[in-house]
Amino acid sequence: MPDHGFDRQSRVFRDFIRYLTEVKPNERSQLMKFLSGSKRMQPGGFAALNPRLTVVLKKVDGISNAAPDLHLPSVSTCAKYLKIPGYSSYEVLKIKFDQAIWEGADNFTLS
């Protein structure tokens, strides 16, 4: 569900949906761990998440367009709140999500 800076027609939101559909089967558990804190999707898939996954525009330094390609996406797993910078292209989004999912797999911060 897009919100706070994104709607269903936003290019970055559509790029994220594309990314979800292109994730390889052997990478899905890492993606789920990043998005929800759990390696497995619950029965019913994304539609059954409670609260629902909300995708919002990540503001960097309080500004929504402050060099977005330099920053990683972040997530609040308890609230299922995914924050994506306004990446310039699908290719940048893919690189940044892959980096966040694999390199940040064991990172936990309270920011």
PDB file of N, CA and C in Angstrom:
ATOM      1  N   MET A   1       0.843  -1.159   0.000  1.00  0.00           N
ATOM      2  CA  MET A   1       0.000   0.000   0.000  1.00  0.00           C
ATOM      3  C   MET A   1       0.902   1.239   0.000  1.00  0.00           C
ATOM      4  N   PRO A   2       0.842   2.066  -1.045  1.00  0.00           N
ATOM      5  CA  PRO A   2       1.650   3.283  -1.085  1.00  0.00           C
ATOM      6  C   PRO A   2       1.024   4.393  -0.234  1.00  0.00           C
ATOM      7  N   ASP A   3       1.872   5.237   0.335  1.00  0.00           N
ATOM      8  CA  ASP A   3       1.388   6.353   1.158  1.00  0.00           C
ATOM      9  C   ASP A   3       2.527   7.360   1.326  1.00  0.00           C
ATOM     10  N   HIS A   4       2.234   8.497   1.911  1.00  0.00           N
ATOM     11  CA  HIS A   4       3.226   9.526   2.265  1.00  0.00           C
ATOM     12  C   HIS A   4       4.290   9.744   1.184  1.00  0.00           C
ATOM     13  N   GLY A   5       3.867  10.282   0.057  1.00  0.00           N
ATOM     14  CA  GLY A   5       4.795  10.593  -1.024  1.00  0.00           C
ATOM     15  C   GLY A   5       4.684   9.672  -2.222  1.00  0.00           C
ATOM     16  N   PHE A   6       4.022   8.542  -2.054  1.00  0.00           N
ATOM     17  CA  PHE A   6       3.806   7.616  -3.170  1.00  0.00           C
ATOM     18  C   PHE A   6       2.319   7.346  -3.322  1.00  0.00           C
ATOM     19  N   ASP A   7       1.921   7.057  -4.556  1.00  0.00           N
ATOM     20  CA  ASP A   7       0.603   6.498  -4.825  1.00  0.00           C
ATOM     21  C   ASP A   7       0.815   5.331  -5.792  1.00  0.00           C
ATOM     22  N   ARG A   8      -0.245   4.670  -6.189  1.00  0.00           N
ATOM     23  CA  ARG A   8      -0.111   3.477  -7.035  1.00  0.00           C
ATOM     24  C   ARG A   8       0.512   3.781  -8.402  1.00  0.00           C
ATOM     25  N   GLN A   9       0.486   5.045  -8.823  1.00  0.00           N
ATOM     26  CA  GLN A   9       1.056   5.428 -10.112  1.00  0.00           C
ATOM     27  C   GLN A   9       2.501   5.921 -10.010  1.00  0.00           C
ATOM     28  N   SER A  10       3.026   6.069  -8.813  1.00  0.00           N
ATOM     29  CA  SER A  10       4.395   6.557  -8.633  1.00  0.00           C
ATOM     30  C   SER A  10       5.396   5.586  -9.248  1.00  0.00           C
ATOM     31  N   ARG A  11       6.331   6.135 -10.006  1.00  0.00           N
ATOM     32  CA  ARG A  11       7.311   5.283 -10.676  1.00  0.00           C
ATOM     33  C   ARG A  11       8.098   4.442  -9.684  1.00  0.00           C
ATOM     34  N   VAL A  12       8.550   5.031  -8.588  1.00  0.00           N
ATOM     35  CA  VAL A  12       9.356   4.280  -7.616  1.00  0.00           C
ATOM     36  C   VAL A  12       8.524   3.164  -6.987  1.00  0.00           C
ATOM     37  N   PHE A  13       7.256   3.416  -6.692  1.00  0.00           N
ATOM     38  CA  PHE A  13       6.391   2.360  -6.152  1.00  0.00           C
ATOM     39  C   PHE A  13       6.242   1.234  -7.179  1.00  0.00           C
ATOM     40  N   ARG A  14       6.010   1.581  -8.436  1.00  0.00           N
ATOM     41  CA  ARG A  14       5.889   0.552  -9.481  1.00  0.00           C
ATOM     42  C   ARG A  14       7.200  -0.207  -9.660  1.00  0.00           C
ATOM     43  N   ASP A  15       8.333   0.513  -9.542  1.00  0.00           N
ATOM     44  CA  ASP A  15       9.636  -0.165  -9.616  1.00  0.00           C
ATOM     45  C   ASP A  15       9.795  -1.158  -8.476  1.00  0.00           C
ATOM     46  N   PHE A  16       9.318  -0.806  -7.285  1.00  0.00           N
ATOM     47  CA  PHE A  16       9.390  -1.732  -6.153  1.00  0.00           C
ATOM     48  C   PHE A  16       8.537  -2.980  -6.421  1.00  0.00           C
ATOM     49  N   ILE A  17       7.346  -2.790  -6.953  1.00  0.00           N
ATOM     50  CA  ILE A  17       6.483  -3.940  -7.294  1.00  0.00           C
ATOM     51  C   ILE A  17       7.198  -4.824  -8.322  1.00  0.00           C
ATOM     52  N   ARG A  18       7.825  -4.199  -9.308  1.00  0.00           N
ATOM     53  CA  ARG A  18       8.594  -4.969 -10.295  1.00  0.00           C
ATOM     54  C   ARG A  18       9.702  -5.749  -9.605  1.00  0.00           C
ATOM     55  N   TYR A  19      10.412  -5.106  -8.701  1.00  0.00           N
ATOM     56  CA  TYR A  19      11.479  -5.780  -7.966  1.00  0.00           C
ATOM     57  C   TYR A  19      10.928  -7.010  -7.240  1.00  0.00           C
ATOM     58  N   LEU A  20       9.777  -6.854  -6.585  1.00  0.00           N
ATOM     59  CA  LEU A  20       9.170  -7.992  -5.884  1.00  0.00           C
ATOM     60  C   LEU A  20       8.908  -9.160  -6.825  1.00  0.00           C
ATOM     61  N   THR A  21       8.438  -8.850  -8.029  1.00  0.00           N
ATOM     62  CA  THR A  21       8.102  -9.923  -8.972  1.00  0.00           C
ATOM     63  C   THR A  21       9.328 -10.577  -9.579  1.00  0.00           C
ATOM     64  N   GLU A  22      10.474  -9.888  -9.538  1.00  0.00           N
ATOM     65  CA  GLU A  22      11.687 -10.417 -10.153  1.00  0.00           C
ATOM     66  C   GLU A  22      12.655 -11.061  -9.165  1.00  0.00           C
ATOM     67  N   VAL A  23      12.334 -11.038  -7.886  1.00  0.00           N
ATOM     68  CA  VAL A  23      13.211 -11.655  -6.888  1.00  0.00           C
ATOM     69  C   VAL A  23      13.273 -13.157  -7.140  1.00  0.00           C
ATOM     70  N   LYS A  24      14.475 -13.670  -7.182  1.00  0.00           N
ATOM     71  CA  LYS A  24      14.676 -15.101  -7.436  1.00  0.00           C
ATOM     72  C   LYS A  24      14.207 -15.912  -6.226  1.00  0.00           C
ATOM     73  N   PRO A  25      13.724 -17.128  -6.465  1.00  0.00           N
ATOM     74  CA  PRO A  25      13.234 -17.960  -5.365  1.00  0.00           C
ATOM     75  C   PRO A  25      14.223 -18.111  -4.206  1.00  0.00           C
ATOM     76  N   ASN A  26      15.515 -18.228  -4.513  1.00  0.00           N
ATOM     77  CA  ASN A  26      16.502 -18.420  -3.444  1.00  0.00           C
ATOM     78  C   ASN A  26      16.796 -17.119  -2.683  1.00  0.00           C
ATOM     79  N   GLU A  27      16.250 -15.975  -3.119  1.00  0.00           N
ATOM     80  CA  GLU A  27      16.448 -14.693  -2.439  1.00  0.00           C
ATOM     81  C   GLU A  27      15.215 -14.238  -1.664  1.00  0.00           C
ATOM     82  N   ARG A  28      14.110 -14.943  -1.824  1.00  0.00           N
ATOM     83  CA  ARG A  28      12.848 -14.506  -1.215  1.00  0.00           C
ATOM     84  C   ARG A  28      12.892 -14.475   0.313  1.00  0.00           C
ATOM     85  N   SER A  29      13.559 -15.432   0.927  1.00  0.00           N
ATOM     86  CA  SER A  29      13.589 -15.447   2.394  1.00  0.00           C
ATOM     87  C   SER A  29      14.364 -14.249   2.932  1.00  0.00           C
ATOM     88  N   GLN A  30      15.446 -13.841   2.239  1.00  0.00           N
ATOM     89  CA  GLN A  30      16.186 -12.646   2.666  1.00  0.00           C
ATOM     90  C   GLN A  30      15.330 -11.396   2.520  1.00  0.00           C
ATOM     91  N   LEU A  31      14.591 -11.307   1.423  1.00  0.00           N
ATOM     92  CA  LEU A  31      13.703 -10.162   1.220  1.00  0.00           C
ATOM     93  C   LEU A  31      12.640 -10.120   2.308  1.00  0.00           C
ATOM     94  N   MET A  32      12.050 -11.263   2.617  1.00  0.00           N
ATOM     95  CA  MET A  32      11.017 -11.305   3.653  1.00  0.00           C
ATOM     96  C   MET A  32      11.592 -10.931   5.017  1.00  0.00           C
ATOM     97  N   LYS A  33      12.797 -11.393   5.296  1.00  0.00           N
ATOM     98  CA  LYS A  33      13.433 -11.044   6.566  1.00  0.00           C
ATOM     99  C   LYS A  33      13.633  -9.535   6.655  1.00  0.00           C
ATOM    100  N   PHE A  34      14.052  -8.922   5.555  1.00  0.00           N
ATOM    101  CA  PHE A  34      14.241  -7.479   5.522  1.00  0.00           C
ATOM    102  C   PHE A  34      12.912  -6.747   5.722  1.00  0.00           C
ATOM    103  N   LEU A  35      11.867  -7.179   5.035  1.00  0.00           N
ATOM    104  CA  LEU A  35      10.585  -6.478   5.078  1.00  0.00           C
ATOM    105  C   LEU A  35       9.791  -6.708   6.356  1.00  0.00           C
ATOM    106  N   SER A  36       9.889  -7.906   6.915  1.00  0.00           N
ATOM    107  CA  SER A  36       8.985  -8.240   8.023  1.00  0.00           C
ATOM    108  C   SER A  36       9.681  -8.722   9.294  1.00  0.00           C
ATOM    109  N   GLY A  37      10.968  -9.041   9.211  1.00  0.00           N
ATOM    110  CA  GLY A  37      11.666  -9.596  10.358  1.00  0.00           C
ATOM    111  C   GLY A  37      11.576 -11.106  10.412  1.00  0.00           C
ATOM    112  N   SER A  38      10.797 -11.703   9.526  1.00  0.00           N
ATOM    113  CA  SER A  38      10.633 -13.152   9.471  1.00  0.00           C
ATOM    114  C   SER A  38      11.050 -13.643   8.089  1.00  0.00           C
ATOM    115  N   LYS A  39      11.711 -14.796   8.030  1.00  0.00           N
ATOM    116  CA  LYS A  39      12.155 -15.324   6.744  1.00  0.00           C
ATOM    117  C   LYS A  39      11.025 -15.942   5.927  1.00  0.00           C
ATOM    118  N   ARG A  40       9.900 -16.189   6.553  1.00  0.00           N
ATOM    119  CA  ARG A  40       8.795 -16.850   5.848  1.00  0.00           C
ATOM    120  C   ARG A  40       7.581 -15.932   5.757  1.00  0.00           C
ATOM    121  N   MET A  41       6.940 -16.004   4.601  1.00  0.00           N
ATOM    122  CA  MET A  41       5.689 -15.265   4.424  1.00  0.00           C
ATOM    123  C   MET A  41       4.592 -16.033   5.132  1.00  0.00           C
ATOM    124  N   GLN A  42       3.740 -15.324   5.815  1.00  0.00           N
ATOM    125  CA  GLN A  42       2.634 -15.986   6.499  1.00  0.00           C
ATOM    126  C   GLN A  42       1.595 -16.428   5.478  1.00  0.00           C
ATOM    127  N   PRO A  43       0.747 -17.388   5.821  1.00  0.00           N
ATOM    128  CA  PRO A  43      -0.305 -17.811   4.897  1.00  0.00           C
ATOM    129  C   PRO A  43      -1.144 -16.609   4.463  1.00  0.00           C
ATOM    130  N   GLY A  44      -1.425 -16.539   3.181  1.00  0.00           N
ATOM    131  CA  GLY A  44      -2.194 -15.418   2.652  1.00  0.00           C
ATOM    132  C   GLY A  44      -1.325 -14.348   2.013  1.00  0.00           C
ATOM    133  N   GLY A  45       0.011 -14.475   2.153  1.00  0.00           N
ATOM    134  CA  GLY A  45       0.922 -13.554   1.494  1.00  0.00           C
ATOM    135  C   GLY A  45       0.860 -12.133   2.014  1.00  0.00           C
ATOM    136  N   PHE A  46       1.253 -11.193   1.169  1.00  0.00           N
ATOM    137  CA  PHE A  46       1.288  -9.783   1.558  1.00  0.00           C
ATOM    138  C   PHE A  46      -0.087  -9.279   1.992  1.00  0.00           C
ATOM    139  N   ALA A  47      -1.129  -9.783   1.372  1.00  0.00           N
ATOM    140  CA  ALA A  47      -2.483  -9.328   1.700  1.00  0.00           C
ATOM    141  C   ALA A  47      -2.858  -9.663   3.138  1.00  0.00           C
ATOM    142  N   ALA A  48      -2.234 -10.678   3.715  1.00  0.00           N
ATOM    143  CA  ALA A  48      -2.570 -11.097   5.074  1.00  0.00           C
ATOM    144  C   ALA A  48      -1.710 -10.421   6.143  1.00  0.00           C
ATOM    145  N   LEU A  49      -0.716  -9.635   5.733  1.00  0.00           N
ATOM    146  CA  LEU A  49       0.112  -8.953   6.727  1.00  0.00           C
ATOM    147  C   LEU A  49      -0.740  -8.005   7.560  1.00  0.00           C
ATOM    148  N   ASN A  50      -0.483  -8.018   8.863  1.00  0.00           N
ATOM    149  CA  ASN A  50      -1.212  -7.126   9.754  1.00  0.00           C
ATOM    150  C   ASN A  50      -0.214  -6.532  10.747  1.00  0.00           C
ATOM    151  N   PRO A  51       0.088  -5.250  10.672  1.00  0.00           N
ATOM    152  CA  PRO A  51      -0.487  -4.300   9.723  1.00  0.00           C
ATOM    153  C   PRO A  51       0.027  -4.553   8.312  1.00  0.00           C
ATOM    154  N   ARG A  52      -0.662  -3.971   7.350  1.00  0.00           N
ATOM    155  CA  ARG A  52      -0.295  -4.134   5.945  1.00  0.00           C
ATOM    156  C   ARG A  52       1.025  -3.424   5.670  1.00  0.00           C
ATOM    157  N   LEU A  53       1.751  -3.915   4.668  1.00  0.00           N
ATOM    158  CA  LEU A  53       3.001  -3.278   4.267  1.00  0.00           C
ATOM    159  C   LEU A  53       2.677  -1.927   3.633  1.00  0.00           C
ATOM    160  N   THR A  54       3.221  -0.867   4.206  1.00  0.00           N
ATOM    161  CA  THR A  54       3.027   0.483   3.694  1.00  0.00           C
ATOM    162  C   THR A  54       4.354   0.966   3.132  1.00  0.00           C
ATOM    163  N   VAL A  55       4.339   1.440   1.893  1.00  0.00           N
ATOM    164  CA  VAL A  55       5.536   1.901   1.201  1.00  0.00           C
ATOM    165  C   VAL A  55       5.477   3.419   1.124  1.00  0.00           C
ATOM    166  N   VAL A  56       6.480   4.077   1.705  1.00  0.00           N
ATOM    167  CA  VAL A  56       6.490   5.535   1.765  1.00  0.00           C
ATOM    168  C   VAL A  56       7.793   6.094   1.194  1.00  0.00           C
ATOM    169  N   LEU A  57       7.757   7.370   0.836  1.00  0.00           N
ATOM    170  CA  LEU A  57       8.938   8.060   0.352  1.00  0.00           C
ATOM    171  C   LEU A  57       9.853   8.375   1.519  1.00  0.00           C
ATOM    172  N   LYS A  58      11.088   7.921   1.437  1.00  0.00           N
ATOM    173  CA  LYS A  58      12.057   8.166   2.499  1.00  0.00           C
ATOM    174  C   LYS A  58      12.666   9.544   2.319  1.00  0.00           C
ATOM    175  N   LYS A  59      12.557  10.356   3.336  1.00  0.00           N
ATOM    176  CA  LYS A  59      13.176  11.667   3.322  1.00  0.00           C
ATOM    177  C   LYS A  59      14.570  11.547   3.909  1.00  0.00           C
ATOM    178  N   VAL A  60      15.539  12.079   3.189  1.00  0.00           N
ATOM    179  CA  VAL A  60      16.927  12.050   3.618  1.00  0.00           C
ATOM    180  C   VAL A  60      17.270  13.441   4.128  1.00  0.00           C
ATOM    181  N   ASP A  61      17.735  13.507   5.353  1.00  0.00           N
ATOM    182  CA  ASP A  61      18.040  14.795   5.974  1.00  0.00           C
ATOM    183  C   ASP A  61      16.817  15.712   5.961  1.00  0.00           C
ATOM    184  N   GLY A  62      15.635  15.122   6.088  1.00  0.00           N
ATOM    185  CA  GLY A  62      14.399  15.901   6.132  1.00  0.00           C
ATOM    186  C   GLY A  62      13.926  16.392   4.778  1.00  0.00           C
ATOM    187  N   ILE A  63      14.610  16.001   3.699  1.00  0.00           N
ATOM    188  CA  ILE A  63      14.259  16.442   2.354  1.00  0.00           C
ATOM    189  C   ILE A  63      13.987  15.214   1.497  1.00  0.00           C
ATOM    190  N   SER A  64      12.875  15.213   0.752  1.00  0.00           N
ATOM    191  CA  SER A  64      12.503  14.031  -0.017  1.00  0.00           C
ATOM    192  C   SER A  64      13.356  13.835  -1.272  1.00  0.00           C
ATOM    193  N   ASN A  65      14.070  14.858  -1.735  1.00  0.00           N
ATOM    194  CA  ASN A  65      14.864  14.702  -2.957  1.00  0.00           C
ATOM    195  C   ASN A  65      16.347  14.971  -2.721  1.00  0.00           C
ATOM    196  N   ALA A  66      16.852  14.707  -1.517  1.00  0.00           N
ATOM    197  CA  ALA A  66      18.259  14.949  -1.183  1.00  0.00           C
ATOM    198  C   ALA A  66      19.119  13.754  -1.578  1.00  0.00           C
ATOM    199  N   ALA A  67      19.646  13.758  -2.804  1.00  0.00           N
ATOM    200  CA  ALA A  67      20.538  12.708  -3.315  1.00  0.00           C
ATOM    201  C   ALA A  67      20.028  11.301  -2.988  1.00  0.00           C
ATOM    202  N   PRO A  68      18.824  10.963  -3.438  1.00  0.00           N
ATOM    203  CA  PRO A  68      18.243   9.662  -3.058  1.00  0.00           C
ATOM    204  C   PRO A  68      19.053   8.456  -3.494  1.00  0.00           C
ATOM    205  N   ASP A  69      19.772   8.556  -4.603  1.00  0.00           N
ATOM    206  CA  ASP A  69      20.516   7.398  -5.102  1.00  0.00           C
ATOM    207  C   ASP A  69      21.676   7.002  -4.196  1.00  0.00           C
ATOM    208  N   LEU A  70      22.020   7.830  -3.237  1.00  0.00           N
ATOM    209  CA  LEU A  70      23.116   7.538  -2.321  1.00  0.00           C
ATOM    210  C   LEU A  70      22.665   6.796  -1.064  1.00  0.00           C
ATOM    211  N   HIS A  71      21.366   6.592  -0.903  1.00  0.00           N
ATOM    212  CA  HIS A  71      20.835   6.051   0.344  1.00  0.00           C
ATOM    213  C   HIS A  71      20.124   4.720   0.139  1.00  0.00           C
ATOM    214  N   LEU A  72      20.145   3.925   1.193  1.00  0.00           N
ATOM    215  CA  LEU A  72      19.477   2.617   1.176  1.00  0.00           C
ATOM    216  C   LEU A  72      18.026   2.740   1.630  1.00  0.00           C
ATOM    217  N   PRO A  73      17.184   1.793   1.223  1.00  0.00           N
ATOM    218  CA  PRO A  73      15.843   1.740   1.787  1.00  0.00           C
ATOM    219  C   PRO A  73      15.937   1.296   3.240  1.00  0.00           C
ATOM    220  N   SER A  74      14.903   1.579   4.013  1.00  0.00           N
ATOM    221  CA  SER A  74      14.861   1.109   5.395  1.00  0.00           C
ATOM    222  C   SER A  74      13.444   0.660   5.701  1.00  0.00           C
ATOM    223  N   VAL A  75      13.319  -0.059   6.802  1.00  0.00           N
ATOM    224  CA  VAL A  75      12.011  -0.616   7.133  1.00  0.00           C
ATOM    225  C   VAL A  75      11.820  -0.638   8.642  1.00  0.00           C
ATOM    226  N   SER A  76      10.598  -0.397   9.057  1.00  0.00           N
ATOM    227  CA  SER A  76      10.186  -0.618  10.440  1.00  0.00           C
ATOM    228  C   SER A  76       9.400  -1.921  10.415  1.00  0.00           C
ATOM    229  N   THR A  77      10.036  -3.004  10.841  1.00  0.00           N
ATOM    230  CA  THR A  77       9.419  -4.320  10.675  1.00  0.00           C
ATOM    231  C   THR A  77       8.158  -4.505  11.495  1.00  0.00           C
ATOM    232  N   CYS A  78       8.110  -3.950  12.695  1.00  0.00           N
ATOM    233  CA  CYS A  78       6.908  -4.120  13.524  1.00  0.00           C
ATOM    234  C   CYS A  78       5.697  -3.456  12.890  1.00  0.00           C
ATOM    235  N   ALA A  79       5.906  -2.276  12.328  1.00  0.00           N
ATOM    236  CA  ALA A  79       4.804  -1.525  11.723  1.00  0.00           C
ATOM    237  C   ALA A  79       4.630  -1.852  10.245  1.00  0.00           C
ATOM    238  N   LYS A  80       5.538  -2.677   9.688  1.00  0.00           N
ATOM    239  CA  LYS A  80       5.527  -3.011   8.254  1.00  0.00           C
ATOM    240  C   LYS A  80       5.528  -1.732   7.418  1.00  0.00           C
ATOM    241  N   TYR A  81       6.499  -0.876   7.704  1.00  0.00           N
ATOM    242  CA  TYR A  81       6.608   0.442   7.101  1.00  0.00           C
ATOM    243  C   TYR A  81       7.911   0.499   6.318  1.00  0.00           C
ATOM    244  N   LEU A  82       7.830   0.434   4.986  1.00  0.00           N
ATOM    245  CA  LEU A  82       9.004   0.435   4.121  1.00  0.00           C
ATOM    246  C   LEU A  82       9.242   1.841   3.587  1.00  0.00           C
ATOM    247  N   LYS A  83      10.460   2.348   3.803  1.00  0.00           N
ATOM    248  CA  LYS A  83      10.813   3.700   3.373  1.00  0.00           C
ATOM    249  C   LYS A  83      11.824   3.608   2.231  1.00  0.00           C
ATOM    250  N   ILE A  84      11.405   4.101   1.054  1.00  0.00           N
ATOM    251  CA  ILE A  84      12.239   4.027  -0.138  1.00  0.00           C
ATOM    252  C   ILE A  84      12.570   5.444  -0.605  1.00  0.00           C
ATOM    253  N   PRO A  85      13.866   5.752  -0.766  1.00  0.00           N
ATOM    254  CA  PRO A  85      14.222   7.048  -1.356  1.00  0.00           C
ATOM    255  C   PRO A  85      13.674   7.146  -2.785  1.00  0.00           C
ATOM    256  N   GLY A  86      13.563   8.322  -3.307  1.00  0.00           N
ATOM    257  CA  GLY A  86      13.058   8.528  -4.668  1.00  0.00           C
ATOM    258  C   GLY A  86      14.108   8.231  -5.718  1.00  0.00           C
ATOM    259  N   TYR A  87      14.455   6.962  -5.853  1.00  0.00           N
ATOM    260  CA  TYR A  87      15.517   6.546  -6.756  1.00  0.00           C
ATOM    261  C   TYR A  87      15.276   7.014  -8.190  1.00  0.00           C
ATOM    262  N   SER A  88      16.382   7.249  -8.909  1.00  0.00           N
ATOM    263  CA  SER A  88      16.304   7.784 -10.269  1.00  0.00           C
ATOM    264  C   SER A  88      15.920   6.736 -11.311  1.00  0.00           C
ATOM    265  N   SER A  89      16.076   5.444 -10.979  1.00  0.00           N
ATOM    266  CA  SER A  89      15.768   4.399 -11.955  1.00  0.00           C
ATOM    267  C   SER A  89      15.523   3.064 -11.242  1.00  0.00           C
ATOM    268  N   TYR A  90      14.961   2.126 -12.006  1.00  0.00           N
ATOM    269  CA  TYR A  90      14.769   0.775 -11.481  1.00  0.00           C
ATOM    270  C   TYR A  90      16.114   0.138 -11.154  1.00  0.00           C
ATOM    271  N   GLU A  91      17.111   0.368 -11.980  1.00  0.00           N
ATOM    272  CA  GLU A  91      18.422  -0.239 -11.776  1.00  0.00           C
ATOM    273  C   GLU A  91      19.024   0.193 -10.441  1.00  0.00           C
ATOM    274  N   VAL A  92      18.880   1.472 -10.100  1.00  0.00           N
ATOM    275  CA  VAL A  92      19.384   1.962  -8.815  1.00  0.00           C
ATOM    276  C   VAL A  92      18.596   1.317  -7.682  1.00  0.00           C
ATOM    277  N   LEU A  93      17.275   1.264  -7.806  1.00  0.00           N
ATOM    278  CA  LEU A  93      16.442   0.632  -6.771  1.00  0.00           C
ATOM    279  C   LEU A  93      16.890  -0.803  -6.543  1.00  0.00           C
ATOM    280  N   LYS A  94      17.098  -1.547  -7.615  1.00  0.00           N
ATOM    281  CA  LYS A  94      17.503  -2.954  -7.492  1.00  0.00           C
ATOM    282  C   LYS A  94      18.850  -3.074  -6.771  1.00  0.00           C
ATOM    283  N   ILE A  95      19.810  -2.270  -7.156  1.00  0.00           N
ATOM    284  CA  ILE A  95      21.132  -2.310  -6.512  1.00  0.00           C
ATOM    285  C   ILE A  95      21.011  -1.999  -5.025  1.00  0.00           C
ATOM    286  N   LYS A  96      20.257  -0.972  -4.682  1.00  0.00           N
ATOM    287  CA  LYS A  96      20.136  -0.549  -3.291  1.00  0.00           C
ATOM    288  C   LYS A  96      19.367  -1.562  -2.458  1.00  0.00           C
ATOM    289  N   PHE A  97      18.305  -2.163  -3.016  1.00  0.00           N
ATOM    290  CA  PHE A  97      17.578  -3.187  -2.274  1.00  0.00           C
ATOM    291  C   PHE A  97      18.440  -4.428  -2.094  1.00  0.00           C
ATOM    292  N   ASP A  98      19.132  -4.846  -3.134  1.00  0.00           N
ATOM    293  CA  ASP A  98      20.019  -6.011  -2.999  1.00  0.00           C
ATOM    294  C   ASP A  98      21.060  -5.763  -1.916  1.00  0.00           C
ATOM    295  N   GLN A  99      21.632  -4.574  -1.905  1.00  0.00           N
ATOM    296  CA  GLN A  99      22.633  -4.232  -0.887  1.00  0.00           C
ATOM    297  C   GLN A  99      22.020  -4.253   0.506  1.00  0.00           C
ATOM    298  N   ALA A 100      20.857  -3.642   0.667  1.00  0.00           N
ATOM    299  CA  ALA A 100      20.208  -3.591   1.981  1.00  0.00           C
ATOM    300  C   ALA A 100      19.831  -4.988   2.468  1.00  0.00           C
ATOM    301  N   ILE A 101      19.341  -5.804   1.573  1.00  0.00           N
ATOM    302  CA  ILE A 101      18.873  -7.140   1.951  1.00  0.00           C
ATOM    303  C   ILE A 101      20.025  -8.055   2.336  1.00  0.00           C
ATOM    304  N   TRP A 102      21.125  -8.006   1.591  1.00  0.00           N
ATOM    305  CA  TRP A 102      22.223  -8.924   1.851  1.00  0.00           C
ATOM    306  C   TRP A 102      23.239  -8.381   2.835  1.00  0.00           C
ATOM    307  N   GLU A 103      23.643  -7.139   2.679  1.00  0.00           N
ATOM    308  CA  GLU A 103      24.666  -6.599   3.571  1.00  0.00           C
ATOM    309  C   GLU A 103      24.100  -6.168   4.912  1.00  0.00           C
ATOM    310  N   GLY A 104      22.835  -5.816   4.944  1.00  0.00           N
ATOM    311  CA  GLY A 104      22.222  -5.380   6.191  1.00  0.00           C
ATOM    312  C   GLY A 104      21.389  -6.448   6.863  1.00  0.00           C
ATOM    313  N   ALA A 105      21.567  -7.692   6.444  1.00  0.00           N
ATOM    314  CA  ALA A 105      20.712  -8.788   6.923  1.00  0.00           C
ATOM    315  C   ALA A 105      20.707  -8.934   8.440  1.00  0.00           C
ATOM    316  N   ASP A 106      21.829  -8.715   9.070  1.00  0.00           N
ATOM    317  CA  ASP A 106      21.897  -8.908  10.520  1.00  0.00           C
ATOM    318  C   ASP A 106      21.971  -7.585  11.282  1.00  0.00           C
ATOM    319  N   ASN A 107      21.668  -6.489  10.596  1.00  0.00           N
ATOM    320  CA  ASN A 107      21.714  -5.179  11.223  1.00  0.00           C
ATOM    321  C   ASN A 107      20.363  -4.859  11.858  1.00  0.00           C
ATOM    322  N   PHE A 108      20.405  -4.338  13.052  1.00  0.00           N
ATOM    323  CA  PHE A 108      19.193  -3.914  13.725  1.00  0.00           C
ATOM    324  C   PHE A 108      19.491  -2.599  14.417  1.00  0.00           C
ATOM    325  N   THR A 109      18.774  -1.551  14.031  1.00  0.00           N
ATOM    326  CA  THR A 109      18.983  -0.257  14.659  1.00  0.00           C
ATOM    327  C   THR A 109      17.653   0.304  15.116  1.00  0.00           C
ATOM    328  N   LEU A 110      17.708   1.241  15.989  1.00  0.00           N
ATOM    329  CA  LEU A 110      16.485   1.849  16.513  1.00  0.00           C
ATOM    330  C   LEU A 110      16.291   3.249  15.951  1.00  0.00           C
ATOM    331  N   SER A 111      16.730   3.473  14.737  1.00  0.00           N
ATOM    332  CA  SER A 111      16.560   4.798  14.116  1.00  0.00           C
ATOM    333  C   SER A 111      15.341   4.828  13.224  1.00  0.00           C
TER     334      SER A 111
END
